[in-house]
C-alpha cells in the first residue's frame, strides 16, 4: 500500500474522549480518495458512491501523525474501486481499514461517465 498523505492530529480533531474523532478521520480519507481518483481519471467530477465496512482498530491522540494509504482494487467502467488504511506514522499501528471504496467518474451532466482507464497511471509518465 502506498501512503500518500500525512495529517497531524490537533486539538480541534479530538472527540470528548481526547482521541481522534472518527468523523474527522473519515473526512480526511474521503478527501484523499477524491484527490487520488481525480488524478487517476483526469476528471475533477468524481463522487464517493460506497464504502464497505469501516474497521477502527486503534485510536490516535493529539500530536500523533497519521498517514493515509490507498491501493487500487480495480478499475470499473465508470468507477475506481480503492482500499485504504490509516496508520500512526511513528508506531506503524493501524488505526482504520476500509476494504472497498467506490469512486464514480461523472460527466458534465452529473451522471456516471465511462473513464476509459484500465491501470494506474503516474503523472510523470503523462508529461
N, C-alpha and C. Protein backbone atom coordinates (compact mmCIF):
# COMPACT_ATOMS: atom_id res chain seq x y z
N UNK A 1 0.85 -1.18 0.00
CA UNK A 1 0.00 0.00 0.00
C UNK A 1 0.89 1.23 0.00
N UNK A 2 0.51 2.22 -0.78
CA UNK A 2 1.26 3.47 -0.84
C UNK A 2 0.60 4.48 0.10
N UNK A 3 1.40 5.07 0.96
CA UNK A 3 0.91 6.07 1.89
C UNK A 3 1.22 7.45 1.32
N UNK A 4 0.15 8.18 0.98
CA UNK A 4 0.28 9.42 0.22
C UNK A 4 0.29 10.68 1.08
N UNK A 5 -0.47 10.70 2.15
CA UNK A 5 -0.68 11.94 2.89
C UNK A 5 -0.48 11.71 4.38
N UNK A 6 0.04 12.74 5.01
CA UNK A 6 0.19 12.71 6.47
C UNK A 6 -0.67 13.82 7.06
N UNK A 7 -1.25 13.53 8.21
CA UNK A 7 -2.05 14.52 8.94
C UNK A 7 -1.56 14.55 10.38
N UNK A 8 -1.51 15.74 10.91
CA UNK A 8 -1.10 15.96 12.30
C UNK A 8 -2.37 16.10 13.12
N UNK A 9 -2.54 15.30 14.14
CA UNK A 9 -3.73 15.35 14.97
C UNK A 9 -3.62 16.53 15.93
N UNK A 10 -4.54 17.49 15.75
CA UNK A 10 -4.54 18.73 16.53
C UNK A 10 -5.73 18.75 17.49
N UNK A 11 -5.76 19.67 18.44
CA UNK A 11 -6.84 19.71 19.43
C UNK A 11 -8.24 19.75 18.81
N UNK A 12 -8.39 20.46 17.69
CA UNK A 12 -9.73 20.56 17.07
C UNK A 12 -10.17 19.27 16.39
N UNK A 13 -9.28 18.27 16.29
CA UNK A 13 -9.60 16.99 15.67
C UNK A 13 -10.06 15.94 16.69
N UNK A 14 -10.08 16.31 17.96
CA UNK A 14 -10.35 15.34 19.02
C UNK A 14 -11.82 15.25 19.40
N UNK A 15 -12.20 14.08 19.89
CA UNK A 15 -13.55 13.87 20.44
C UNK A 15 -13.49 14.12 21.95
N UNK A 16 -14.63 14.03 22.65
CA UNK A 16 -14.61 14.27 24.10
C UNK A 16 -13.73 13.29 24.89
N UNK A 17 -13.38 12.16 24.27
CA UNK A 17 -12.52 11.18 24.92
C UNK A 17 -11.04 11.54 24.80
N UNK A 18 -10.74 12.60 24.03
CA UNK A 18 -9.36 13.03 23.87
C UNK A 18 -8.61 12.27 22.78
N UNK A 19 -9.36 11.52 21.95
CA UNK A 19 -8.75 10.81 20.84
C UNK A 19 -9.31 11.37 19.53
N UNK A 20 -8.68 10.98 18.43
CA UNK A 20 -9.08 11.47 17.12
C UNK A 20 -10.55 11.13 16.84
N UNK A 21 -11.34 12.12 16.50
CA UNK A 21 -12.76 11.95 16.16
C UNK A 21 -12.85 11.17 14.86
N UNK A 22 -13.61 10.07 14.87
CA UNK A 22 -13.74 9.21 13.70
C UNK A 22 -14.26 9.95 12.48
N UNK A 23 -15.18 10.88 12.67
CA UNK A 23 -15.72 11.64 11.55
C UNK A 23 -14.66 12.50 10.88
N UNK A 24 -13.74 13.05 11.65
CA UNK A 24 -12.65 13.83 11.08
C UNK A 24 -11.73 12.93 10.26
N UNK A 25 -11.43 11.76 10.80
CA UNK A 25 -10.57 10.82 10.09
C UNK A 25 -11.22 10.40 8.77
N UNK A 26 -12.51 10.11 8.80
CA UNK A 26 -13.21 9.73 7.57
C UNK A 26 -13.23 10.86 6.55
N UNK A 27 -13.35 12.10 7.01
CA UNK A 27 -13.30 13.25 6.10
C UNK A 27 -11.93 13.34 5.43
N UNK A 28 -10.85 13.12 6.21
CA UNK A 28 -9.50 13.14 5.64
C UNK A 28 -9.35 12.04 4.58
N UNK A 29 -9.84 10.84 4.91
CA UNK A 29 -9.75 9.71 3.98
C UNK A 29 -10.53 10.03 2.70
N UNK A 30 -11.76 10.52 2.85
CA UNK A 30 -12.60 10.81 1.68
C UNK A 30 -11.95 11.85 0.78
N UNK A 31 -11.36 12.87 1.37
CA UNK A 31 -10.68 13.89 0.58
C UNK A 31 -9.49 13.30 -0.17
N UNK A 32 -8.70 12.48 0.50
CA UNK A 32 -7.54 11.86 -0.14
C UNK A 32 -7.96 10.93 -1.27
N UNK A 33 -9.04 10.16 -1.06
CA UNK A 33 -9.55 9.28 -2.10
C UNK A 33 -10.03 10.08 -3.31
N UNK A 34 -10.71 11.19 -3.06
CA UNK A 34 -11.19 12.04 -4.15
C UNK A 34 -10.01 12.59 -4.94
N UNK A 35 -9.00 13.12 -4.26
CA UNK A 35 -7.83 13.66 -4.95
C UNK A 35 -7.12 12.59 -5.77
N UNK A 36 -6.96 11.42 -5.20
CA UNK A 36 -6.30 10.32 -5.90
C UNK A 36 -7.09 9.95 -7.16
N UNK A 37 -8.41 9.85 -7.02
CA UNK A 37 -9.26 9.48 -8.15
C UNK A 37 -9.26 10.55 -9.23
N UNK A 38 -9.32 11.81 -8.83
CA UNK A 38 -9.27 12.92 -9.79
C UNK A 38 -7.99 12.83 -10.63
N UNK A 39 -6.87 12.57 -9.98
CA UNK A 39 -5.59 12.47 -10.69
C UNK A 39 -5.57 11.24 -11.60
N UNK A 40 -6.05 10.10 -11.11
CA UNK A 40 -6.05 8.88 -11.92
C UNK A 40 -6.96 8.99 -13.13
N UNK A 41 -8.17 9.52 -12.93
CA UNK A 41 -9.16 9.55 -14.01
C UNK A 41 -9.11 10.84 -14.82
N UNK A 42 -8.28 11.78 -14.39
CA UNK A 42 -8.12 13.06 -15.08
C UNK A 42 -9.45 13.78 -15.25
N UNK A 43 -10.23 13.79 -14.18
CA UNK A 43 -11.53 14.45 -14.18
C UNK A 43 -11.83 14.89 -12.75
N UNK A 44 -12.12 16.16 -12.55
CA UNK A 44 -12.40 16.64 -11.19
C UNK A 44 -13.83 16.34 -10.75
N UNK A 45 -14.64 15.79 -11.62
CA UNK A 45 -16.02 15.43 -11.26
C UNK A 45 -16.07 13.97 -10.83
N UNK A 46 -15.78 13.72 -9.57
CA UNK A 46 -15.87 12.38 -9.01
C UNK A 46 -16.62 12.44 -7.69
N UNK A 47 -17.29 11.34 -7.36
CA UNK A 47 -18.02 11.27 -6.09
C UNK A 47 -17.76 9.92 -5.43
N UNK A 48 -17.90 9.91 -4.12
CA UNK A 48 -17.82 8.67 -3.36
C UNK A 48 -19.20 8.02 -3.41
N UNK A 49 -19.26 6.80 -3.92
CA UNK A 49 -20.54 6.09 -4.02
C UNK A 49 -20.74 5.13 -2.85
N UNK A 50 -19.68 4.46 -2.44
CA UNK A 50 -19.84 3.40 -1.44
C UNK A 50 -18.55 3.20 -0.65
N UNK A 51 -18.72 2.94 0.64
CA UNK A 51 -17.60 2.49 1.48
C UNK A 51 -18.05 1.21 2.16
N UNK A 52 -17.22 0.18 2.12
CA UNK A 52 -17.54 -1.06 2.81
C UNK A 52 -17.37 -0.85 4.32
N UNK A 53 -17.38 -1.92 5.05
CA UNK A 53 -17.23 -1.85 6.50
C UNK A 53 -15.99 -1.04 6.87
N UNK A 54 -16.18 -0.15 7.81
CA UNK A 54 -15.10 0.69 8.33
C UNK A 54 -14.65 0.06 9.63
N UNK A 55 -13.39 -0.35 9.69
CA UNK A 55 -12.90 -1.09 10.84
C UNK A 55 -11.90 -0.24 11.62
N UNK A 56 -12.37 0.32 12.75
CA UNK A 56 -11.49 1.08 13.64
C UNK A 56 -10.72 0.08 14.50
N UNK A 57 -9.40 0.11 14.41
CA UNK A 57 -8.56 -0.86 15.13
C UNK A 57 -7.85 -0.25 16.32
N UNK A 58 -7.55 1.04 16.25
CA UNK A 58 -6.90 1.73 17.36
C UNK A 58 -7.23 3.21 17.24
N UNK A 59 -6.73 4.00 18.15
CA UNK A 59 -7.03 5.43 18.10
C UNK A 59 -5.74 6.23 17.97
N UNK A 60 -5.93 7.51 17.75
CA UNK A 60 -4.79 8.43 17.70
C UNK A 60 -5.05 9.55 18.70
N UNK A 61 -4.00 10.12 19.20
CA UNK A 61 -4.11 11.20 20.19
C UNK A 61 -3.50 12.48 19.65
N UNK A 62 -3.77 13.56 20.34
CA UNK A 62 -3.21 14.86 19.96
C UNK A 62 -1.69 14.74 19.82
N UNK A 63 -1.17 15.29 18.73
CA UNK A 63 0.25 15.27 18.47
C UNK A 63 0.70 14.11 17.59
N UNK A 64 -0.14 13.06 17.48
CA UNK A 64 0.22 11.95 16.61
C UNK A 64 0.21 12.40 15.15
N UNK A 65 1.00 11.76 14.36
CA UNK A 65 0.99 11.97 12.91
C UNK A 65 0.44 10.68 12.29
N UNK A 66 -0.62 10.82 11.54
CA UNK A 66 -1.21 9.66 10.88
C UNK A 66 -0.95 9.77 9.38
N UNK A 67 -0.83 8.62 8.74
CA UNK A 67 -0.62 8.60 7.29
C UNK A 67 -1.72 7.78 6.65
N UNK A 68 -2.18 8.27 5.49
CA UNK A 68 -3.30 7.67 4.78
C UNK A 68 -2.77 6.90 3.59
N UNK A 69 -3.07 5.60 3.55
CA UNK A 69 -2.64 4.75 2.45
C UNK A 69 -3.81 4.38 1.55
N UNK A 70 -3.52 4.26 0.26
CA UNK A 70 -4.53 3.92 -0.74
C UNK A 70 -3.93 2.90 -1.71
N UNK A 71 -4.74 1.92 -2.07
CA UNK A 71 -4.41 0.99 -3.15
C UNK A 71 -5.61 0.87 -4.06
N UNK A 72 -5.36 0.65 -5.34
CA UNK A 72 -6.43 0.39 -6.30
C UNK A 72 -6.79 -1.08 -6.22
N UNK A 73 -8.08 -1.36 -6.09
CA UNK A 73 -8.58 -2.73 -6.11
C UNK A 73 -8.92 -3.11 -7.54
N UNK A 74 -9.66 -2.22 -8.24
CA UNK A 74 -9.97 -2.49 -9.65
C UNK A 74 -10.50 -1.24 -10.34
N UNK A 75 -10.38 -1.24 -11.64
CA UNK A 75 -10.95 -0.20 -12.48
C UNK A 75 -12.27 -0.73 -13.02
N UNK A 76 -13.36 0.00 -12.77
CA UNK A 76 -14.64 -0.33 -13.36
C UNK A 76 -14.84 0.48 -14.63
N UNK A 77 -16.03 0.37 -15.20
CA UNK A 77 -16.35 1.11 -16.43
C UNK A 77 -16.46 2.61 -16.16
N UNK A 78 -17.17 2.97 -15.08
CA UNK A 78 -17.33 4.38 -14.70
C UNK A 78 -16.73 4.65 -13.32
N UNK A 79 -16.13 3.64 -12.72
CA UNK A 79 -15.69 3.78 -11.33
C UNK A 79 -14.25 3.34 -11.14
N UNK A 80 -13.78 3.65 -9.96
CA UNK A 80 -12.48 3.20 -9.49
C UNK A 80 -12.72 2.67 -8.08
N UNK A 81 -12.35 1.43 -7.84
CA UNK A 81 -12.53 0.82 -6.51
C UNK A 81 -11.19 0.82 -5.81
N UNK A 82 -11.17 1.38 -4.61
CA UNK A 82 -9.95 1.54 -3.84
C UNK A 82 -10.08 0.87 -2.48
N UNK A 83 -8.97 0.73 -1.78
CA UNK A 83 -8.99 0.35 -0.38
C UNK A 83 -8.07 1.31 0.35
N UNK A 84 -8.27 1.44 1.65
CA UNK A 84 -7.49 2.41 2.41
C UNK A 84 -7.13 1.86 3.79
N UNK A 85 -5.98 2.29 4.25
CA UNK A 85 -5.54 2.02 5.61
C UNK A 85 -4.92 3.30 6.14
N UNK A 86 -5.22 3.61 7.39
CA UNK A 86 -4.59 4.75 8.05
C UNK A 86 -3.82 4.18 9.23
N UNK A 87 -2.59 4.65 9.37
CA UNK A 87 -1.77 4.15 10.48
C UNK A 87 -1.04 5.31 11.14
N UNK A 88 -0.62 5.06 12.36
CA UNK A 88 0.20 6.00 13.11
C UNK A 88 1.59 5.96 12.49
N UNK A 89 2.07 7.09 12.03
CA UNK A 89 3.34 7.11 11.31
C UNK A 89 4.52 6.69 12.18
N UNK A 90 4.48 7.01 13.44
CA UNK A 90 5.63 6.71 14.31
C UNK A 90 5.62 5.25 14.78
N UNK A 91 4.45 4.72 15.14
CA UNK A 91 4.38 3.36 15.68
C UNK A 91 4.05 2.32 14.62
N UNK A 92 3.55 2.77 13.47
CA UNK A 92 3.08 1.91 12.37
C UNK A 92 1.83 1.10 12.76
N UNK A 93 1.23 1.44 13.88
CA UNK A 93 0.00 0.77 14.31
C UNK A 93 -1.17 1.21 13.41
N UNK A 94 -1.94 0.24 12.93
CA UNK A 94 -3.09 0.53 12.09
C UNK A 94 -4.20 1.16 12.92
N UNK A 95 -4.75 2.25 12.43
CA UNK A 95 -5.85 2.95 13.10
C UNK A 95 -7.19 2.55 12.51
N UNK A 96 -7.26 2.47 11.18
CA UNK A 96 -8.52 2.15 10.50
C UNK A 96 -8.22 1.46 9.18
N UNK A 97 -9.11 0.55 8.77
CA UNK A 97 -9.05 -0.05 7.44
C UNK A 97 -10.43 0.03 6.80
N UNK A 98 -10.43 0.22 5.49
CA UNK A 98 -11.66 0.16 4.70
C UNK A 98 -11.30 -0.67 3.47
N UNK A 99 -11.97 -1.82 3.31
CA UNK A 99 -11.59 -2.76 2.26
C UNK A 99 -11.98 -2.33 0.86
N UNK A 100 -13.14 -1.68 0.70
CA UNK A 100 -13.52 -1.21 -0.64
C UNK A 100 -14.23 0.13 -0.55
N UNK A 101 -13.79 1.03 -1.40
CA UNK A 101 -14.41 2.35 -1.55
C UNK A 101 -14.61 2.54 -3.05
N UNK A 102 -15.84 2.80 -3.46
CA UNK A 102 -16.13 3.01 -4.87
C UNK A 102 -16.26 4.49 -5.16
N UNK A 103 -15.40 4.96 -6.06
CA UNK A 103 -15.44 6.35 -6.52
C UNK A 103 -15.96 6.34 -7.95
N UNK A 104 -16.92 7.21 -8.26
CA UNK A 104 -17.55 7.22 -9.57
C UNK A 104 -17.16 8.47 -10.35
N UNK A 105 -16.81 8.27 -11.60
CA UNK A 105 -16.47 9.32 -12.55
C UNK A 105 -17.76 9.90 -13.12
N UNK A 106 -17.91 11.23 -13.11
CA UNK A 106 -19.12 11.87 -13.61
C UNK A 106 -18.83 12.73 -14.83
N UNK A 107 -19.84 12.84 -15.69
CA UNK A 107 -19.77 13.75 -16.82
C UNK A 107 -20.28 15.11 -16.41
N UNK A 108 -20.31 16.04 -17.35
CA UNK A 108 -20.78 17.40 -17.07
C UNK A 108 -22.23 17.43 -16.62
N UNK A 109 -23.01 16.42 -17.01
CA UNK A 109 -24.42 16.35 -16.62
C UNK A 109 -24.62 15.77 -15.22
N UNK A 110 -23.52 15.38 -14.56
CA UNK A 110 -23.60 14.84 -13.22
C UNK A 110 -23.95 13.36 -13.16
N UNK A 111 -23.97 12.71 -14.31
CA UNK A 111 -24.28 11.28 -14.37
C UNK A 111 -22.99 10.48 -14.60
N UNK A 112 -22.97 9.20 -14.15
CA UNK A 112 -21.77 8.38 -14.35
C UNK A 112 -21.34 8.37 -15.81
N UNK A 113 -20.03 8.46 -16.00
CA UNK A 113 -19.46 8.53 -17.35
C UNK A 113 -18.27 7.58 -17.43
N UNK A 114 -18.17 6.84 -18.53
CA UNK A 114 -17.02 5.94 -18.74
C UNK A 114 -15.73 6.75 -18.72
N UNK A 115 -14.70 6.20 -18.08
CA UNK A 115 -13.43 6.92 -17.99
C UNK A 115 -12.36 6.35 -18.91
N UNK A 116 -12.51 5.14 -19.38
CA UNK A 116 -11.56 4.56 -20.33
C UNK A 116 -10.21 4.15 -19.75
N UNK A 117 -10.06 4.17 -18.44
CA UNK A 117 -8.78 3.81 -17.80
C UNK A 117 -8.81 2.34 -17.39
N UNK A 118 -7.65 1.69 -17.45
CA UNK A 118 -7.57 0.27 -17.09
C UNK A 118 -6.43 -0.05 -16.14
N UNK A 119 -5.57 0.94 -15.89
CA UNK A 119 -4.43 0.70 -14.99
C UNK A 119 -4.00 2.00 -14.34
N UNK A 120 -3.21 1.88 -13.28
CA UNK A 120 -2.69 3.04 -12.59
C UNK A 120 -1.73 3.78 -13.52
N UNK A 121 -1.91 5.10 -13.55
CA UNK A 121 -1.01 5.95 -14.34
C UNK A 121 -0.36 6.94 -13.40
N UNK A 122 0.88 7.29 -13.70
CA UNK A 122 1.59 8.28 -12.89
C UNK A 122 1.73 9.55 -13.71
N UNK A 123 1.55 10.68 -13.05
CA UNK A 123 1.59 11.98 -13.73
C UNK A 123 2.89 12.14 -14.49
N UNK A 124 4.01 11.72 -13.92
CA UNK A 124 5.31 11.87 -14.58
C UNK A 124 5.33 11.15 -15.93
N UNK A 125 4.57 10.06 -16.07
CA UNK A 125 4.52 9.32 -17.33
C UNK A 125 3.63 9.98 -18.37
N UNK A 126 2.74 10.88 -17.92
CA UNK A 126 1.85 11.57 -18.86
C UNK A 126 2.52 12.79 -19.48
N UNK A 127 3.57 13.29 -18.84
CA UNK A 127 4.23 14.51 -19.32
C UNK A 127 5.18 14.23 -20.47
